[in-house]
Amino acid sequence: MKVLIISVDMGDADYAAHAEEFVMLAEGAGAQVMASIRVKRDRPDAKYFIGKGKLEEAVALAAEHDVDLVLFDQPLSPAQQRNLEREFSLRVVDRVALILDIFALRAKSHEGKLQVELAQLQHLVTRLTRMWTHLERQRGGIGMRGPGESQLEMDKRMIGDRVRALKERLDKAQRQRVTQRRARARGGALSVSLVGYTNAGKSTLFNALTRAGAYAADQLFATLDTTTRRLWIEGAGQVVVSDTVGFIRDLPPTLIAAFRATLEETVHADLLLHVIDASSPQRDEHIQEVNKVLTDIGADKIPVIPVYNKIDMVGLEPRVERDEHGTIARVFVSALGRAGLDGLRGAIVEVGQLARDDALDVEDIQPE
């Protein structure tokens, strides 16, 4: 599908990285980027987000390249989206909808698909008014005579029913996860979750540690569904390792809410391995974004080992760094080259066992 990208520079220092990331999102969704336009704004325009002059320029550019779709790299209000579509005579997809689309494309497990559908419906219900030009037309016929029901009201009711059904099914899956976690805890297994910014190399590291075959690719959101494997590490015994969905800046709140069941593997882990792309110029910003999401889901108190991955791309050597107290501060590895894995295993043993002992002490006083 041929697309035009509208990229808005709001004066942020990391605008270039933000814009590049959006192009990767577009391409990850299967878009063919025909043209892009950069717009500088101090604040969004209430009607179009961008100014009228830039909008006219963008409309002409879309016509020139005969695009099928306009991608907007900021979240749009329902009114802004409706106004832009009216000007372009094309569908306009904002950042939130694009990420939701990629999640829908990549979700493989039954639970993952339910979570994506829930997030999409919660996003859609706020935008129903733009989809109907016959909002006040009453449906007649059997069962709909009398006062009737507007198309908008019916659609909202149907979506509400589906949202409730999805939440019930996800709650059931969540209860099953709790049961499985308790069984693992009683079995004495250390629980480790890999977290990190999308495309940091979590799945590649997961495969290297566990010899699993989890899907790994050089693209955003290659992994959506949590994959869990057991492995034996000398000194720690049985270790349960989980690979989780990657984080990204401005992750839509509906996605964080919908994926809470999956992310609970992170919340209830004994230890987190925060996988960081050592070769990324934006690694510090990525670290901040991951920490922000960990706080949002209540996982910010769990012990963390920062794992700097892809060191082969920047000429660094595998090593374990400690702070002035002798505590492990960070571990440097190359998951693809399988370098530094022994040091990482040692760090898991050292930090993880103490973390797990503390977690078990807390769980002993928690009500069932």
Foldseek 3Di string as FASTA:
>chain_A
DEEEEEQECLPDPCSVVLVVQVVLLCVLLVYDYPYYDYAYDVFADLQQGGDPVVLVVSLVVCVVSVGQEYEYAADDQLRNQLNSCVSNVHHYHYNQRSVLSSQCVQDDDPLSNLLSVLLVLVVVLNNVVSVDPQQPDFDDDPPQPDPGHGPNRVVNVVSVVSNVVSVVVNVVVLVVVVVVVVVCVVVQAAEEEEAFAFQLCQVLLVCLQAVDDQDDDNGGFNDAAKDWDWDQFPLRGIYIYIYHTYFDPPNDPSSLVSCLSRCVSLQLGLEYEYRFALPDPCRVVRVVRRCVSCVVSNNNVHHYEYEHEPCVVVVDAWDFDADPVRQTHYTYYYSVVSHNVVVVSVNCSVRRVVSSVVSVVVVVPDDD
